[in-house]
N, C-alpha and C. Protein backbone atom coordinates (compact mmCIF):
# COMPACT_ATOMS: atom_id res chain seq x y z
N UNK A 1 0.83 -1.18 0.00
CA UNK A 1 0.00 0.00 0.00
C UNK A 1 0.88 1.25 0.00
N UNK A 2 0.52 2.20 -0.83
CA UNK A 2 1.17 3.51 -0.79
C UNK A 2 0.44 4.38 0.23
N UNK A 3 1.19 5.13 1.00
CA UNK A 3 0.62 6.11 1.91
C UNK A 3 1.21 7.48 1.56
N UNK A 4 0.33 8.47 1.46
CA UNK A 4 0.77 9.86 1.32
C UNK A 4 0.59 10.53 2.67
N UNK A 5 1.62 11.25 3.09
CA UNK A 5 1.53 11.99 4.35
C UNK A 5 2.25 13.32 4.19
N UNK A 6 1.98 14.23 5.11
CA UNK A 6 2.55 15.57 5.06
C UNK A 6 3.31 15.85 6.35
N UNK A 7 4.49 16.41 6.18
CA UNK A 7 5.30 16.80 7.34
C UNK A 7 4.69 18.04 7.97
N UNK A 8 4.47 17.99 9.28
CA UNK A 8 3.94 19.17 9.97
C UNK A 8 4.97 20.29 9.98
N UNK A 9 6.24 19.93 10.03
CA UNK A 9 7.30 20.93 10.11
C UNK A 9 7.55 21.62 8.76
N UNK A 10 7.81 20.83 7.71
CA UNK A 10 8.17 21.41 6.41
C UNK A 10 6.96 21.64 5.51
N UNK A 11 5.84 21.00 5.82
CA UNK A 11 4.61 21.04 5.01
C UNK A 11 4.78 20.32 3.68
N UNK A 12 5.89 19.62 3.48
CA UNK A 12 6.09 18.86 2.26
C UNK A 12 5.31 17.55 2.32
N UNK A 13 5.00 17.01 1.14
CA UNK A 13 4.29 15.75 1.02
C UNK A 13 5.29 14.64 0.72
N UNK A 14 5.04 13.47 1.29
CA UNK A 14 5.90 12.30 1.10
C UNK A 14 5.02 11.10 0.82
N UNK A 15 5.60 10.07 0.21
CA UNK A 15 4.91 8.79 0.12
C UNK A 15 5.85 7.71 0.63
N UNK A 16 5.23 6.62 1.05
CA UNK A 16 5.97 5.41 1.40
C UNK A 16 5.17 4.23 0.89
N UNK A 17 5.88 3.20 0.48
CA UNK A 17 5.26 1.96 0.04
C UNK A 17 5.48 0.95 1.16
N UNK A 18 4.37 0.40 1.63
CA UNK A 18 4.44 -0.56 2.73
C UNK A 18 4.10 -1.96 2.23
N UNK A 19 4.84 -2.94 2.75
CA UNK A 19 4.55 -4.34 2.44
C UNK A 19 3.32 -4.79 3.23
N UNK A 20 2.85 -5.97 2.92
CA UNK A 20 1.66 -6.50 3.62
C UNK A 20 1.88 -6.61 5.12
N UNK A 21 3.14 -6.80 5.55
CA UNK A 21 3.43 -6.91 6.99
C UNK A 21 3.56 -5.55 7.67
N UNK A 22 3.33 -4.46 6.90
CA UNK A 22 3.38 -3.11 7.46
C UNK A 22 4.74 -2.45 7.41
N UNK A 23 5.76 -3.20 6.97
CA UNK A 23 7.11 -2.65 6.90
C UNK A 23 7.25 -1.73 5.69
N UNK A 24 7.87 -0.57 5.88
CA UNK A 24 8.11 0.36 4.78
C UNK A 24 9.24 -0.19 3.92
N UNK A 25 8.97 -0.34 2.61
CA UNK A 25 9.99 -0.87 1.71
C UNK A 25 10.52 0.16 0.73
N UNK A 26 9.85 1.31 0.61
CA UNK A 26 10.31 2.39 -0.27
C UNK A 26 9.77 3.71 0.26
N UNK A 27 10.61 4.73 0.29
CA UNK A 27 10.20 6.06 0.77
C UNK A 27 10.63 7.12 -0.23
N UNK A 28 9.86 8.18 -0.28
CA UNK A 28 10.18 9.28 -1.20
C UNK A 28 10.90 10.40 -0.47
N UNK A 29 11.40 11.33 -1.25
CA UNK A 29 11.86 12.61 -0.72
C UNK A 29 10.63 13.52 -0.68
N UNK A 30 10.79 14.71 -0.16
CA UNK A 30 9.66 15.62 -0.03
C UNK A 30 9.24 16.26 -1.33
N UNK A 31 7.94 16.48 -1.46
CA UNK A 31 7.34 17.18 -2.61
C UNK A 31 6.62 18.41 -2.10
N UNK A 32 6.65 19.48 -2.86
CA UNK A 32 6.00 20.73 -2.45
C UNK A 32 4.48 20.63 -2.53
N UNK A 33 3.97 19.82 -3.47
CA UNK A 33 2.52 19.70 -3.63
C UNK A 33 2.09 18.23 -3.57
N UNK A 34 0.83 18.02 -3.21
CA UNK A 34 0.30 16.66 -3.17
C UNK A 34 0.26 16.07 -4.57
N UNK A 35 -0.09 16.87 -5.57
CA UNK A 35 -0.16 16.34 -6.93
C UNK A 35 1.22 15.88 -7.42
N UNK A 36 2.27 16.58 -7.05
CA UNK A 36 3.62 16.14 -7.41
C UNK A 36 3.96 14.82 -6.72
N UNK A 37 3.52 14.67 -5.48
CA UNK A 37 3.71 13.43 -4.73
C UNK A 37 2.95 12.28 -5.41
N UNK A 38 1.73 12.55 -5.84
CA UNK A 38 0.95 11.54 -6.54
C UNK A 38 1.61 11.15 -7.86
N UNK A 39 2.21 12.12 -8.55
CA UNK A 39 2.96 11.82 -9.77
C UNK A 39 4.15 10.93 -9.47
N UNK A 40 4.79 11.15 -8.32
CA UNK A 40 5.90 10.30 -7.89
C UNK A 40 5.45 8.86 -7.70
N UNK A 41 4.28 8.67 -7.11
CA UNK A 41 3.73 7.32 -6.93
C UNK A 41 3.48 6.67 -8.29
N UNK A 42 2.91 7.41 -9.21
CA UNK A 42 2.66 6.86 -10.55
C UNK A 42 3.97 6.48 -11.24
N UNK A 43 5.01 7.27 -11.01
CA UNK A 43 6.33 6.95 -11.57
C UNK A 43 6.88 5.66 -10.96
N UNK A 44 6.70 5.48 -9.66
CA UNK A 44 7.13 4.23 -9.01
C UNK A 44 6.38 3.06 -9.64
N UNK A 45 5.08 3.20 -9.78
CA UNK A 45 4.27 2.10 -10.32
C UNK A 45 4.73 1.70 -11.72
N UNK A 46 5.08 2.69 -12.55
CA UNK A 46 5.48 2.37 -13.93
C UNK A 46 6.93 1.89 -14.03
N UNK A 47 7.79 2.33 -13.14
CA UNK A 47 9.21 1.95 -13.21
C UNK A 47 9.55 0.72 -12.38
N UNK A 48 8.73 0.37 -11.41
CA UNK A 48 9.03 -0.72 -10.47
C UNK A 48 9.34 -2.06 -11.14
N UNK A 49 8.62 -2.45 -12.19
CA UNK A 49 8.89 -3.77 -12.77
C UNK A 49 10.25 -3.91 -13.48
N UNK A 50 10.89 -2.80 -13.80
CA UNK A 50 12.13 -2.84 -14.59
C UNK A 50 13.37 -2.90 -13.69
N UNK A 51 14.07 -4.04 -13.74
CA UNK A 51 15.23 -4.23 -12.88
C UNK A 51 16.30 -3.17 -13.10
N UNK A 52 16.44 -2.69 -14.33
CA UNK A 52 17.49 -1.69 -14.62
C UNK A 52 17.23 -0.35 -13.93
N UNK A 53 16.06 -0.14 -13.38
CA UNK A 53 15.73 1.10 -12.68
C UNK A 53 16.22 1.10 -11.22
N UNK A 54 16.71 -0.04 -10.75
CA UNK A 54 17.17 -0.16 -9.37
C UNK A 54 18.67 0.07 -9.29
N UNK A 55 19.04 1.04 -8.50
CA UNK A 55 20.45 1.37 -8.27
C UNK A 55 20.83 0.77 -6.92
N UNK A 56 21.55 -0.33 -6.97
CA UNK A 56 21.95 -1.05 -5.75
C UNK A 56 23.19 -0.39 -5.15
N UNK A 57 23.12 -0.07 -3.87
CA UNK A 57 24.19 0.68 -3.21
C UNK A 57 24.58 0.04 -1.88
N UNK A 58 25.74 0.49 -1.37
CA UNK A 58 26.17 0.15 -0.01
C UNK A 58 26.54 1.46 0.68
N UNK A 59 26.02 1.65 1.89
CA UNK A 59 26.31 2.86 2.64
C UNK A 59 27.70 2.77 3.27
N UNK A 60 28.19 3.90 3.75
CA UNK A 60 29.52 3.95 4.36
C UNK A 60 29.64 3.04 5.56
N UNK A 61 28.51 2.76 6.23
CA UNK A 61 28.56 1.89 7.40
C UNK A 61 28.35 0.41 7.05
N UNK A 62 28.41 0.09 5.74
CA UNK A 62 28.34 -1.30 5.30
C UNK A 62 26.95 -1.87 5.14
N UNK A 63 25.94 -1.02 5.16
CA UNK A 63 24.55 -1.48 4.98
C UNK A 63 24.19 -1.42 3.49
N UNK A 64 23.30 -2.28 3.09
CA UNK A 64 22.84 -2.35 1.71
C UNK A 64 21.52 -1.61 1.55
N UNK A 65 21.37 -0.92 0.42
CA UNK A 65 20.11 -0.23 0.12
C UNK A 65 19.98 -0.08 -1.38
N UNK A 66 18.82 0.40 -1.81
CA UNK A 66 18.63 0.67 -3.24
C UNK A 66 17.83 1.95 -3.42
N UNK A 67 18.03 2.53 -4.59
CA UNK A 67 17.23 3.66 -5.06
C UNK A 67 16.50 3.21 -6.31
N UNK A 68 15.25 3.58 -6.42
CA UNK A 68 14.49 3.35 -7.65
C UNK A 68 14.55 4.64 -8.44
N UNK A 69 14.97 4.53 -9.69
CA UNK A 69 15.14 5.72 -10.53
C UNK A 69 14.17 5.71 -11.69
N UNK A 70 13.75 6.91 -12.09
CA UNK A 70 12.91 7.08 -13.26
C UNK A 70 13.79 6.98 -14.51
N UNK A 71 13.17 6.97 -15.68
CA UNK A 71 13.90 6.86 -16.94
C UNK A 71 14.92 7.99 -17.11
N UNK A 72 14.65 9.15 -16.51
CA UNK A 72 15.56 10.29 -16.62
C UNK A 72 16.70 10.23 -15.60
N UNK A 73 16.75 9.17 -14.79
CA UNK A 73 17.81 9.00 -13.80
C UNK A 73 17.52 9.61 -12.44
N UNK A 74 16.40 10.29 -12.31
CA UNK A 74 16.04 10.92 -11.03
C UNK A 74 15.57 9.85 -10.04
N UNK A 75 16.06 9.94 -8.81
CA UNK A 75 15.63 9.02 -7.75
C UNK A 75 14.19 9.34 -7.38
N UNK A 76 13.33 8.31 -7.41
CA UNK A 76 11.93 8.50 -7.04
C UNK A 76 11.58 7.80 -5.74
N UNK A 77 12.47 6.96 -5.25
CA UNK A 77 12.25 6.29 -3.97
C UNK A 77 13.51 5.61 -3.49
N UNK A 78 13.64 5.52 -2.18
CA UNK A 78 14.81 4.88 -1.57
C UNK A 78 14.34 3.86 -0.54
N UNK A 79 15.13 2.81 -0.41
CA UNK A 79 14.79 1.75 0.54
C UNK A 79 15.35 2.05 1.91
N UNK A 80 14.97 1.20 2.84
CA UNK A 80 15.60 1.20 4.16
C UNK A 80 17.01 0.63 4.00
N UNK A 81 17.77 0.59 5.07
CA UNK A 81 19.10 -0.02 5.07
C UNK A 81 18.96 -1.47 5.52
N UNK A 82 19.64 -2.35 4.82
CA UNK A 82 19.60 -3.79 5.12
C UNK A 82 20.98 -4.25 5.57
N UNK A 83 21.02 -5.24 6.44
CA UNK A 83 22.31 -5.76 6.91
C UNK A 83 22.89 -6.79 5.96
N UNK A 84 22.07 -7.35 5.07
CA UNK A 84 22.54 -8.37 4.14
C UNK A 84 22.12 -8.03 2.71
N UNK A 85 22.97 -8.40 1.77
CA UNK A 85 22.70 -8.12 0.36
C UNK A 85 21.44 -8.85 -0.12
N UNK A 86 21.23 -10.09 0.32
CA UNK A 86 20.04 -10.81 -0.11
C UNK A 86 18.76 -10.18 0.44
N UNK A 87 18.84 -9.52 1.58
CA UNK A 87 17.68 -8.80 2.12
C UNK A 87 17.33 -7.62 1.23
N UNK A 88 18.36 -6.93 0.73
CA UNK A 88 18.12 -5.83 -0.23
C UNK A 88 17.43 -6.38 -1.47
N UNK A 89 17.89 -7.51 -1.98
CA UNK A 89 17.29 -8.11 -3.18
C UNK A 89 15.84 -8.50 -2.92
N UNK A 90 15.55 -9.00 -1.73
CA UNK A 90 14.17 -9.32 -1.36
C UNK A 90 13.31 -8.06 -1.34
N UNK A 91 13.89 -6.93 -0.87
CA UNK A 91 13.18 -5.66 -0.88
C UNK A 91 12.86 -5.21 -2.29
N UNK A 92 13.83 -5.35 -3.19
CA UNK A 92 13.61 -5.00 -4.61
C UNK A 92 12.50 -5.87 -5.19
N UNK A 93 12.58 -7.17 -4.93
CA UNK A 93 11.54 -8.08 -5.44
C UNK A 93 10.16 -7.70 -4.93
N UNK A 94 10.09 -7.27 -3.67
CA UNK A 94 8.82 -6.86 -3.09
C UNK A 94 8.27 -5.61 -3.78
N UNK A 95 9.13 -4.65 -4.06
CA UNK A 95 8.69 -3.44 -4.78
C UNK A 95 8.22 -3.81 -6.18
N UNK A 96 8.98 -4.65 -6.87
CA UNK A 96 8.60 -5.07 -8.22
C UNK A 96 7.21 -5.72 -8.23
N UNK A 97 6.96 -6.58 -7.25
CA UNK A 97 5.70 -7.32 -7.18
C UNK A 97 4.53 -6.46 -6.74
N UNK A 98 4.76 -5.62 -5.74
CA UNK A 98 3.64 -4.93 -5.08
C UNK A 98 3.33 -3.54 -5.58
N UNK A 99 4.33 -2.78 -6.01
CA UNK A 99 4.10 -1.38 -6.36
C UNK A 99 3.11 -1.17 -7.51
N UNK A 100 3.21 -1.93 -8.61
CA UNK A 100 2.34 -1.63 -9.75
C UNK A 100 0.84 -1.63 -9.44
N UNK A 101 0.40 -2.45 -8.52
CA UNK A 101 -1.05 -2.53 -8.22
C UNK A 101 -1.39 -2.13 -6.80
N UNK A 102 -0.45 -1.51 -6.10
CA UNK A 102 -0.69 -1.14 -4.69
C UNK A 102 -1.75 -0.06 -4.58
N UNK A 103 -2.69 -0.23 -3.65
CA UNK A 103 -3.69 0.82 -3.42
C UNK A 103 -3.06 2.03 -2.71
N UNK A 104 -3.79 3.12 -2.69
CA UNK A 104 -3.31 4.37 -2.10
C UNK A 104 -4.13 4.72 -0.87
N UNK A 105 -3.43 5.10 0.19
CA UNK A 105 -4.08 5.62 1.39
C UNK A 105 -3.55 7.04 1.60
N UNK A 106 -4.45 8.01 1.52
CA UNK A 106 -4.07 9.42 1.68
C UNK A 106 -4.27 9.82 3.15
N UNK A 107 -3.16 9.88 3.88
CA UNK A 107 -3.23 10.21 5.30
C UNK A 107 -3.36 11.71 5.55
N UNK A 108 -3.37 12.50 4.47
CA UNK A 108 -3.52 13.96 4.62
C UNK A 108 -4.99 14.36 4.65
N UNK A 109 -5.89 13.44 4.30
CA UNK A 109 -7.32 13.72 4.29
C UNK A 109 -7.83 13.61 5.72
N UNK A 110 -8.45 14.67 6.20
CA UNK A 110 -8.96 14.69 7.59
C UNK A 110 -10.07 13.66 7.74
N UNK A 111 -10.03 12.97 8.83
CA UNK A 111 -11.06 11.97 9.13
C UNK A 111 -12.39 12.68 9.42
N UNK A 112 -13.46 12.04 9.09
CA UNK A 112 -14.78 12.61 9.36
C UNK A 112 -15.06 12.56 10.85
N UNK A 113 -15.79 13.59 11.38
CA UNK A 113 -16.10 13.60 12.81
C UNK A 113 -17.06 12.49 13.20
């Protein structure tokens, strides 16, 4: 499931893709508008199935992570840090499988009284 939320401090909009177990598997950077954030989600959905869009990295502290990039090379989402390379690959597989058809939950919409 994709969730859209807004930072109270910066007022920017973000999305995260959560697995069925509730774990966040992909997070965005901040967007100035909700519509730009929604466009980011659509970009994830269209780019997720393509393995060449995943930039596999290792952080300075030895953790594994990935960035999902659009066709223009811009990062549209980043993973959490993993302690093992195969865990990172499992995260990529999860994004490939789940992102294209993931439903959207807009957490910026006020709940009804």
